Amino acid sequence: VGSRQAAERVKNEIESKLALGGMGLFQPEKPALP
């Protein structure tokens, strides 16, 4: 991801998406680059 702060934000987003629909919801998307 880049910086630690950006990685923490991506982690929170992924946890939310995994809770809603599993890996399938996350795979088509890429986290924003720093």
Full PDB file with SEQRES, HELIX, SHEET, SSBOND, CRYST1, ORIGX, SCALE, CONECT and MASTER records, all heavy atoms in Angstrom:
SEQRES   1 A   34  VAL GLY SER ARG GLN ALA ALA GLU ARG VAL LYS ASN GLU          
SEQRES   2 A   34  ILE GLU SER LYS LEU ALA LEU GLY GLY MET GLY LEU PHE          
SEQRES   3 A   34  GLN PRO GLU LYS PRO ALA LEU PRO                              
HELIX    1 AA1 ARG A    4  GLY A   21  1                                  18    
HELIX    2 AA2 MET A   23  PHE A   26  1                                   4    
CRYST1    1.000    1.000    1.000  90.00  90.00  90.00 P 1           1          
ORIGX1      1.000000  0.000000  0.000000        0.00000                         
ORIGX2      0.000000  1.000000  0.000000        0.00000                         
ORIGX3      0.000000  0.000000  1.000000        0.00000                         
SCALE1      1.000000  0.000000  0.000000        0.00000                         
SCALE2      0.000000  1.000000  0.000000        0.00000                         
SCALE3      0.000000  0.000000  1.000000        0.00000                         
ATOM      1  N   VAL A   1       0.816  -1.210   0.000  1.00  0.00           N  
ATOM      2  CA  VAL A   1       0.000   0.000   0.000  1.00  0.00           C  
ATOM      3  C   VAL A   1       0.852   1.263   0.000  1.00  0.00           C  
ATOM      4  O   VAL A   1       0.672   2.154  -0.817  1.00  0.00           O  
ATOM      5  CB  VAL A   1      -0.961   0.016   1.212  1.00  0.00           C  
ATOM      6  CG1 VAL A   1      -1.756   1.320   1.245  1.00  0.00           C  
ATOM      7  CG2 VAL A   1      -1.891  -1.179   1.149  1.00  0.00           C  
ATOM      8  N   GLY A   2       1.807   1.374   0.909  1.00  0.00           N  
ATOM      9  CA  GLY A   2       2.604   2.595   1.003  1.00  0.00           C  
ATOM     10  C   GLY A   2       2.898   2.912   2.454  1.00  0.00           C  
ATOM     11  O   GLY A   2       3.584   2.165   3.147  1.00  0.00           O  
ATOM     12  N   SER A   3       2.369   4.027   2.937  1.00  0.00           N  
ATOM     13  CA  SER A   3       2.611   4.419   4.320  1.00  0.00           C  
ATOM     14  C   SER A   3       1.762   3.573   5.272  1.00  0.00           C  
ATOM     15  O   SER A   3       0.781   2.926   4.871  1.00  0.00           O  
ATOM     16  CB  SER A   3       2.281   5.898   4.514  1.00  0.00           C  
ATOM     17  OG  SER A   3       0.892   6.114   4.337  1.00  0.00           O  
ATOM     18  N   ARG A   4       2.132   3.614   6.542  1.00  0.00           N  
ATOM     19  CA  ARG A   4       1.383   2.841   7.521  1.00  0.00           C  
ATOM     20  C   ARG A   4      -0.038   3.374   7.675  1.00  0.00           C  
ATOM     21  O   ARG A   4      -0.982   2.603   7.829  1.00  0.00           O  
ATOM     22  CB  ARG A   4       2.116   2.865   8.852  1.00  0.00           C  
ATOM     23  CG  ARG A   4       1.425   2.045   9.922  1.00  0.00           C  
ATOM     24  CD  ARG A   4       2.292   1.834  11.130  1.00  0.00           C  
ATOM     25  NE  ARG A   4       1.674   0.917  12.072  1.00  0.00           N  
ATOM     26  CZ  ARG A   4       2.287   0.433  13.140  1.00  0.00           C  
ATOM     27  NH1 ARG A   4       3.543   0.784  13.401  1.00  0.00           N  
ATOM     28  NH2 ARG A   4       1.653  -0.401  13.952  1.00  0.00           N  
ATOM     29  N   GLN A   5      -0.164   4.702   7.624  1.00  0.00           N  
ATOM     30  CA  GLN A   5      -1.499   5.292   7.759  1.00  0.00           C  
ATOM     31  C   GLN A   5      -2.420   4.838   6.623  1.00  0.00           C  
ATOM     32  O   GLN A   5      -3.587   4.482   6.843  1.00  0.00           O  
ATOM     33  CB  GLN A   5      -1.395   6.825   7.777  1.00  0.00           C  
ATOM     34  CG  GLN A   5      -0.690   7.402   8.996  1.00  0.00           C  
ATOM     35  CD  GLN A   5       0.820   7.326   8.899  1.00  0.00           C  
ATOM     36  OE1 GLN A   5       1.345   6.867   7.877  1.00  0.00           O  
ATOM     37  NE2 GLN A   5       1.515   7.765   9.930  1.00  0.00           N  
ATOM     38  N   ALA A   6      -1.879   4.836   5.397  1.00  0.00           N  
ATOM     39  CA  ALA A   6      -2.688   4.387   4.260  1.00  0.00           C  
ATOM     40  C   ALA A   6      -3.032   2.912   4.395  1.00  0.00           C  
ATOM     41  O   ALA A   6      -4.152   2.484   4.062  1.00  0.00           O  
ATOM     42  CB  ALA A   6      -1.936   4.642   2.961  1.00  0.00           C  
ATOM     43  N   ALA A   7      -2.083   2.107   4.890  1.00  0.00           N  
ATOM     44  CA  ALA A   7      -2.339   0.680   5.061  1.00  0.00           C  
ATOM     45  C   ALA A   7      -3.438   0.434   6.090  1.00  0.00           C  
ATOM     46  O   ALA A   7      -4.275  -0.472   5.927  1.00  0.00           O  
ATOM     47  CB  ALA A   7      -1.053  -0.027   5.464  1.00  0.00           C  
ATOM     48  N   GLU A   8      -3.460   1.242   7.163  1.00  0.00           N  
ATOM     49  CA  GLU A   8      -4.523   1.093   8.175  1.00  0.00           C  
ATOM     50  C   GLU A   8      -5.894   1.406   7.574  1.00  0.00           C  
ATOM     51  O   GLU A   8      -6.889   0.725   7.882  1.00  0.00           O  
ATOM     52  CB  GLU A   8      -4.231   2.007   9.360  1.00  0.00           C  
ATOM     53  CG  GLU A   8      -3.014   1.624  10.198  1.00  0.00           C  
ATOM     54  CD  GLU A   8      -3.240   0.359  11.012  1.00  0.00           C  
ATOM     55  OE1 GLU A   8      -4.404  -0.109  11.076  1.00  0.00           O  
ATOM     56  OE2 GLU A   8      -2.257  -0.152  11.577  1.00  0.00           O  
ATOM     57  N   ARG A   9      -5.941   2.438   6.715  1.00  0.00           N  
ATOM     58  CA  ARG A   9      -7.232   2.765   6.083  1.00  0.00           C  
ATOM     59  C   ARG A   9      -7.708   1.630   5.181  1.00  0.00           C  
ATOM     60  O   ARG A   9      -8.890   1.251   5.184  1.00  0.00           O  
ATOM     61  CB  ARG A   9      -7.098   4.058   5.270  1.00  0.00           C  
ATOM     62  CG  ARG A   9      -6.891   5.309   6.101  1.00  0.00           C  
ATOM     63  CD  ARG A   9      -7.173   6.560   5.279  1.00  0.00           C  
ATOM     64  NE  ARG A   9      -6.329   6.644   4.103  1.00  0.00           N  
ATOM     65  CZ  ARG A   9      -5.151   7.265   4.079  1.00  0.00           C  
ATOM     66  NH1 ARG A   9      -4.688   7.831   5.189  1.00  0.00           N  
ATOM     67  NH2 ARG A   9      -4.446   7.315   2.978  1.00  0.00           N  
ATOM     68  N   VAL A  10      -6.789   1.087   4.387  1.00  0.00           N  
ATOM     69  CA  VAL A  10      -7.153  -0.022   3.500  1.00  0.00           C  
ATOM     70  C   VAL A  10      -7.590  -1.233   4.311  1.00  0.00           C  
ATOM     71  O   VAL A  10      -8.542  -1.941   3.953  1.00  0.00           O  
ATOM     72  CB  VAL A  10      -5.958  -0.371   2.586  1.00  0.00           C  
ATOM     73  CG1 VAL A  10      -6.235  -1.637   1.792  1.00  0.00           C  
ATOM     74  CG2 VAL A  10      -5.669   0.781   1.634  1.00  0.00           C  
ATOM     75  N   LYS A  11      -6.920  -1.489   5.430  1.00  0.00           N  
ATOM     76  CA  LYS A  11      -7.288  -2.618   6.291  1.00  0.00           C  
ATOM     77  C   LYS A  11      -8.732  -2.492   6.768  1.00  0.00           C  
ATOM     78  O   LYS A  11      -9.509  -3.460   6.731  1.00  0.00           O  
ATOM     79  CB  LYS A  11      -6.333  -2.665   7.482  1.00  0.00           C  
ATOM     80  CG  LYS A  11      -6.731  -3.642   8.603  1.00  0.00           C  
ATOM     81  CD  LYS A  11      -5.727  -3.590   9.729  1.00  0.00           C  
ATOM     82  CE  LYS A  11      -6.143  -4.482  10.897  1.00  0.00           C  
ATOM     83  NZ  LYS A  11      -7.352  -3.970  11.572  1.00  0.00           N  
ATOM     84  N   ASN A  12      -9.124  -1.286   7.199  1.00  0.00           N  
ATOM     85  CA  ASN A  12     -10.494  -1.088   7.677  1.00  0.00           C  
ATOM     86  C   ASN A  12     -11.512  -1.302   6.558  1.00  0.00           C  
ATOM     87  O   ASN A  12     -12.576  -1.897   6.763  1.00  0.00           O  
ATOM     88  CB  ASN A  12     -10.645   0.315   8.267  1.00  0.00           C  
ATOM     89  CG  ASN A  12      -9.808   0.495   9.523  1.00  0.00           C  
ATOM     90  OD1 ASN A  12      -9.519  -0.469  10.227  1.00  0.00           O  
ATOM     91  ND2 ASN A  12      -9.425   1.735   9.804  1.00  0.00           N  
ATOM     92  N   GLU A  13     -11.168  -0.815   5.339  1.00  0.00           N  
ATOM     93  CA  GLU A  13     -12.072  -1.001   4.213  1.00  0.00           C  
ATOM     94  C   GLU A  13     -12.241  -2.481   3.870  1.00  0.00           C  
ATOM     95  O   GLU A  13     -13.359  -2.947   3.603  1.00  0.00           O  
ATOM     96  CB  GLU A  13     -11.542  -0.248   2.986  1.00  0.00           C  
ATOM     97  CG  GLU A  13     -11.521   1.264   3.149  1.00  0.00           C  
ATOM     98  CD  GLU A  13     -10.878   1.951   1.959  1.00  0.00           C  
ATOM     99  OE1 GLU A  13     -10.526   1.242   0.986  1.00  0.00           O  
ATOM    100  OE2 GLU A  13     -10.698   3.190   2.002  1.00  0.00           O  
ATOM    101  N   ILE A  14     -11.146  -3.225   3.887  1.00  0.00           N  
ATOM    102  CA  ILE A  14     -11.200  -4.645   3.543  1.00  0.00           C  
ATOM    103  C   ILE A  14     -11.988  -5.417   4.577  1.00  0.00           C  
ATOM    104  O   ILE A  14     -12.800  -6.307   4.241  1.00  0.00           O  
ATOM    105  CB  ILE A  14      -9.768  -5.198   3.409  1.00  0.00           C  
ATOM    106  CG1 ILE A  14      -9.082  -4.573   2.200  1.00  0.00           C  
ATOM    107  CG2 ILE A  14      -9.788  -6.721   3.274  1.00  0.00           C  
ATOM    108  CD1 ILE A  14      -7.623  -4.955   2.070  1.00  0.00           C  
ATOM    109  N   GLU A  15     -11.791  -5.092   5.845  1.00  0.00           N  
ATOM    110  CA  GLU A  15     -12.545  -5.796   6.897  1.00  0.00           C  
ATOM    111  C   GLU A  15     -14.041  -5.577   6.727  1.00  0.00           C  
ATOM    112  O   GLU A  15     -14.848  -6.505   6.907  1.00  0.00           O  
ATOM    113  CB  GLU A  15     -12.078  -5.311   8.268  1.00  0.00           C  
ATOM    114  CG  GLU A  15     -10.711  -5.827   8.678  1.00  0.00           C  
ATOM    115  CD  GLU A  15     -10.256  -5.294  10.020  1.00  0.00           C  
ATOM    116  OE1 GLU A  15     -10.699  -4.180  10.388  1.00  0.00           O  
ATOM    117  OE2 GLU A  15      -9.456  -5.985  10.690  1.00  0.00           O  
ATOM    118  N   SER A  16     -14.425  -4.375   6.365  1.00  0.00           N  
ATOM    119  CA  SER A  16     -15.850  -4.090   6.161  1.00  0.00           C  
ATOM    120  C   SER A  16     -16.404  -4.891   4.988  1.00  0.00           C  
ATOM    121  O   SER A  16     -17.501  -5.469   5.058  1.00  0.00           O  
ATOM    122  CB  SER A  16     -16.053  -2.598   5.916  1.00  0.00           C  
ATOM    123  OG  SER A  16     -15.613  -1.838   7.017  1.00  0.00           O  
ATOM    124  N   LYS A  17     -15.652  -4.935   3.887  1.00  0.00           N  
ATOM    125  CA  LYS A  17     -16.133  -5.646   2.695  1.00  0.00           C  
ATOM    126  C   LYS A  17     -16.159  -7.150   2.911  1.00  0.00           C  
ATOM    127  O   LYS A  17     -17.062  -7.841   2.427  1.00  0.00           O  
ATOM    128  CB  LYS A  17     -15.246  -5.304   1.509  1.00  0.00           C  
ATOM    129  CG  LYS A  17     -15.391  -3.853   1.063  1.00  0.00           C  
ATOM    130  CD  LYS A  17     -14.493  -3.544  -0.113  1.00  0.00           C  
ATOM    131  CE  LYS A  17     -14.668  -2.083  -0.546  1.00  0.00           C  
ATOM    132  NZ  LYS A  17     -13.805  -1.737  -1.692  1.00  0.00           N  
ATOM    133  N   LEU A  18     -15.168  -7.677   3.635  1.00  0.00           N  
ATOM    134  CA  LEU A  18     -15.163  -9.106   3.918  1.00  0.00           C  
ATOM    135  C   LEU A  18     -16.342  -9.489   4.802  1.00  0.00           C  
ATOM    136  O   LEU A  18     -16.942 -10.568   4.637  1.00  0.00           O  
ATOM    137  CB  LEU A  18     -13.852  -9.498   4.594  1.00  0.00           C  
ATOM    138  CG  LEU A  18     -12.600  -9.493   3.710  1.00  0.00           C  
ATOM    139  CD1 LEU A  18     -11.367  -9.811   4.537  1.00  0.00           C  
ATOM    140  CD2 LEU A  18     -12.751 -10.495   2.579  1.00  0.00           C  
ATOM    141  N   ALA A  19     -16.688  -8.622   5.737  1.00  0.00           N  
ATOM    142  CA  ALA A  19     -17.827  -8.906   6.613  1.00  0.00           C  
ATOM    143  C   ALA A  19     -19.139  -8.937   5.831  1.00  0.00           C  
ATOM    144  O   ALA A  19     -20.061  -9.683   6.152  1.00  0.00           O  
ATOM    145  CB  ALA A  19     -17.892  -7.865   7.723  1.00  0.00           C  
ATOM    146  N   LEU A  20     -19.204  -8.174   4.745  1.00  0.00           N  
ATOM    147  CA  LEU A  20     -20.423  -8.116   3.948  1.00  0.00           C  
ATOM    148  C   LEU A  20     -20.519  -9.240   2.913  1.00  0.00           C  
ATOM    149  O   LEU A  20     -21.584  -9.819   2.724  1.00  0.00           O  
ATOM    150  CB  LEU A  20     -20.510  -6.777   3.225  1.00  0.00           C  
ATOM    151  CG  LEU A  20     -20.751  -5.548   4.107  1.00  0.00           C  
ATOM    152  CD1 LEU A  20     -20.680  -4.280   3.272  1.00  0.00           C  
ATOM    153  CD2 LEU A  20     -22.110  -5.645   4.810  1.00  0.00           C  
ATOM    154  N   GLY A  21     -19.427  -9.533   2.253  1.00  0.00           N  
ATOM    155  CA  GLY A  21     -19.573 -10.492   1.155  1.00  0.00           C  
ATOM    156  C   GLY A  21     -18.391 -11.363   0.879  1.00  0.00           C  
ATOM    157  O   GLY A  21     -18.352 -12.023  -0.169  1.00  0.00           O  
ATOM    158  N   GLY A  22     -17.386 -11.421   1.711  1.00  0.00           N  
ATOM    159  CA  GLY A  22     -16.258 -12.298   1.497  1.00  0.00           C  
ATOM    160  C   GLY A  22     -15.269 -11.748   0.493  1.00  0.00           C  
ATOM    161  O   GLY A  22     -15.323 -10.598   0.060  1.00  0.00           O  
ATOM    162  N   MET A  23     -14.363 -12.622   0.052  1.00  0.00           N  
ATOM    163  CA  MET A  23     -13.271 -12.218  -0.834  1.00  0.00           C  
ATOM    164  C   MET A  23     -13.780 -11.745  -2.180  1.00  0.00           C  
ATOM    165  O   MET A  23     -13.161 -10.939  -2.846  1.00  0.00           O  
ATOM    166  CB  MET A  23     -12.305 -13.390  -1.046  1.00  0.00           C  
ATOM    167  CG  MET A  23     -11.465 -13.724   0.156  1.00  0.00           C  
ATOM    168  SD  MET A  23     -10.184 -12.523   0.503  1.00  0.00           S  
ATOM    169  CE  MET A  23      -9.033 -12.863  -0.811  1.00  0.00           C  
ATOM    170  N   GLY A  24     -14.922 -12.253  -2.596  1.00  0.00           N  
ATOM    171  CA  GLY A  24     -15.427 -11.879  -3.921  1.00  0.00           C  
ATOM    172  C   GLY A  24     -15.689 -10.395  -4.060  1.00  0.00           C  
ATOM    173  O   GLY A  24     -15.515  -9.830  -5.133  1.00  0.00           O  
ATOM    174  N   LEU A  25     -16.122  -9.754  -3.005  1.00  0.00           N  
ATOM    175  CA  LEU A  25     -16.377  -8.317  -3.076  1.00  0.00           C  
ATOM    176  C   LEU A  25     -15.090  -7.517  -3.169  1.00  0.00           C  
ATOM    177  O   LEU A  25     -15.078  -6.415  -3.711  1.00  0.00           O  
ATOM    178  CB  LEU A  25     -17.166  -7.875  -1.831  1.00  0.00           C  
ATOM    179  CG  LEU A  25     -18.618  -8.326  -1.763  1.00  0.00           C  
ATOM    180  CD1 LEU A  25     -19.240  -7.872  -0.451  1.00  0.00           C  
ATOM    181  CD2 LEU A  25     -19.398  -7.757  -2.941  1.00  0.00           C  
ATOM    182  N   PHE A  26     -14.009  -8.083  -2.648  1.00  0.00           N  
ATOM    183  CA  PHE A  26     -12.768  -7.318  -2.620  1.00  0.00           C  
ATOM    184  C   PHE A  26     -11.920  -7.503  -3.870  1.00  0.00           C  
ATOM    185  O   PHE A  26     -11.275  -6.574  -4.342  1.00  0.00           O  
ATOM    186  CB  PHE A  26     -11.956  -7.735  -1.387  1.00  0.00           C  
ATOM    187  CG  PHE A  26     -10.567  -7.200  -1.388  1.00  0.00           C  
ATOM    188  CD1 PHE A  26     -10.326  -5.859  -1.187  1.00  0.00           C  
ATOM    189  CD2 PHE A  26      -9.493  -8.034  -1.625  1.00  0.00           C  
ATOM    190  CE1 PHE A  26      -9.034  -5.356  -1.209  1.00  0.00           C  
ATOM    191  CE2 PHE A  26      -8.202  -7.542  -1.645  1.00  0.00           C  
ATOM    192  CZ  PHE A  26      -7.973  -6.210  -1.435  1.00  0.00           C  
ATOM    193  N   GLN A  27     -11.929  -8.691  -4.434  1.00  0.00           N  
ATOM    194  CA  GLN A  27     -11.013  -9.015  -5.509  1.00  0.00           C  
ATOM    195  C   GLN A  27     -11.104  -8.107  -6.734  1.00  0.00           C  
ATOM    196  O   GLN A  27     -10.096  -7.753  -7.312  1.00  0.00           O  
ATOM    197  CB  GLN A  27     -11.193 -10.479  -5.921  1.00  0.00           C  
ATOM    198  CG  GLN A  27     -10.602 -11.426  -4.885  1.00  0.00           C  
ATOM    199  CD  GLN A  27     -10.847 -12.868  -5.250  1.00  0.00           C  
ATOM    200  OE1 GLN A  27     -11.737 -13.173  -6.049  1.00  0.00           O  
ATOM    201  NE2 GLN A  27     -10.079 -13.772  -4.652  1.00  0.00           N  
ATOM    202  N   PRO A  28     -12.285  -7.693  -7.193  1.00  0.00           N  
ATOM    203  CA  PRO A  28     -12.328  -6.858  -8.390  1.00  0.00           C  
ATOM    204  C   PRO A  28     -11.740  -5.473  -8.177  1.00  0.00           C  
ATOM    205  O   PRO A  28     -11.449  -4.773  -9.139  1.00  0.00           O  
ATOM    206  CB  PRO A  28     -13.822  -6.764  -8.711  1.00  0.00           C  
ATOM    207  CG  PRO A  28     -14.437  -7.919  -8.002  1.00  0.00           C  
ATOM    208  CD  PRO A  28     -13.633  -8.074  -6.757  1.00  0.00           C  
ATOM    209  N   GLU A  29     -11.578  -5.038  -6.956  1.00  0.00           N  
ATOM    210  CA  GLU A  29     -11.119  -3.692  -6.678  1.00  0.00           C  
ATOM    211  C   GLU A  29      -9.665  -3.695  -6.220  1.00  0.00           C  
ATOM    212  O   GLU A  29      -9.170  -4.663  -5.679  1.00  0.00           O  
ATOM    213  CB  GLU A  29     -11.982  -3.040  -5.589  1.00  0.00           C  
ATOM    214  CG  GLU A  29     -13.459  -2.968  -5.963  1.00  0.00           C  
ATOM    215  CD  GLU A  29     -14.269  -2.354  -4.838  1.00  0.00           C  
ATOM    216  OE1 GLU A  29     -13.634  -1.818  -3.900  1.00  0.00           O  
ATOM    217  OE2 GLU A  29     -15.493  -2.401  -4.902  1.00  0.00           O  
ATOM    218  N   LYS A  30      -8.989  -2.602  -6.437  1.00  0.00           N  
ATOM    219  CA  LYS A  30      -7.637  -2.425  -5.960  1.00  0.00           C  
ATOM    220  C   LYS A  30      -7.606  -1.250  -4.999  1.00  0.00           C  
ATOM    221  O   LYS A  30      -8.250  -0.236  -5.239  1.00  0.00           O  
ATOM    222  CB  LYS A  30      -6.671  -2.150  -7.116  1.00  0.00           C  
ATOM    223  CG  LYS A  30      -6.478  -3.327  -8.042  1.00  0.00           C  
ATOM    224  CD  LYS A  30      -5.447  -2.996  -9.111  1.00  0.00           C  
ATOM    225  CE  LYS A  30      -5.221  -4.185 -10.022  1.00  0.00           C  
ATOM    226  NZ  LYS A  30      -4.230  -3.873 -11.083  1.00  0.00           N  
ATOM    227  N   PRO A  31      -6.892  -1.379  -3.907  1.00  0.00           N  
ATOM    228  CA  PRO A  31      -6.808  -0.246  -2.984  1.00  0.00           C  
ATOM    229  C   PRO A  31      -6.106   0.926  -3.648  1.00  0.00           C  
ATOM    230  O   PRO A  31      -5.262   0.758  -4.530  1.00  0.00           O  
ATOM    231  CB  PRO A  31      -5.967  -0.801  -1.822  1.00  0.00           C  
ATOM    232  CG  PRO A  31      -5.196  -1.932  -2.417  1.00  0.00           C  
ATOM    233  CD  PRO A  31      -6.069  -2.525  -3.470  1.00  0.00           C  
ATOM    234  N   ALA A  32      -6.453   2.119  -3.228  1.00  0.00           N  
ATOM    235  CA  ALA A  32      -5.867   3.321  -3.818  1.00  0.00           C  
ATOM    236  C   ALA A  32      -4.372   3.376  -3.509  1.00  0.00           C  
ATOM    237  O   ALA A  32      -3.942   3.107  -2.382  1.00  0.00           O  
ATOM    238  CB  ALA A  32      -6.564   4.557  -3.269  1.00  0.00           C  
ATOM    239  N   LEU A  33      -3.572   3.719  -4.531  1.00  0.00           N  
ATOM    240  CA  LEU A  33      -2.137   3.847  -4.332  1.00  0.00           C  
ATOM    241  C   LEU A  33      -1.832   5.128  -3.558  1.00  0.00           C  
ATOM    242  O   LEU A  33      -2.584   6.102  -3.621  1.00  0.00           O  
ATOM    243  CB  LEU A  33      -1.421   3.865  -5.675  1.00  0.00           C  
ATOM    244  CG  LEU A  33      -1.422   2.557  -6.463  1.00  0.00           C  
ATOM    245  CD1 LEU A  33      -0.691   2.766  -7.785  1.00  0.00           C  
ATOM    246  CD2 LEU A  33      -0.761   1.446  -5.680  1.00  0.00           C  
ATOM    247  N   PRO A  34      -0.708   5.148  -2.853  1.00  0.00           N  
ATOM    248  CA  PRO A  34      -0.346   6.366  -2.119  1.00  0.00           C  
ATOM    249  C   PRO A  34       0.074   7.471  -3.078  1.00  0.00           C  
ATOM    250  O   PRO A  34       0.427   7.225  -4.239  1.00  0.00           O  
ATOM    251  CB  PRO A  34       0.829   5.908  -1.255  1.00  0.00           C  
ATOM    252  CG  PRO A  34       1.447   4.784  -2.024  1.00  0.00           C  
ATOM    253  CD  PRO A  34       0.289   4.075  -2.672  1.00  0.00           C  
TER     254      PRO A  34                                                      
MASTER        0    0    0    2    0    0    0    6  253    1    0    3          
END                                                                             
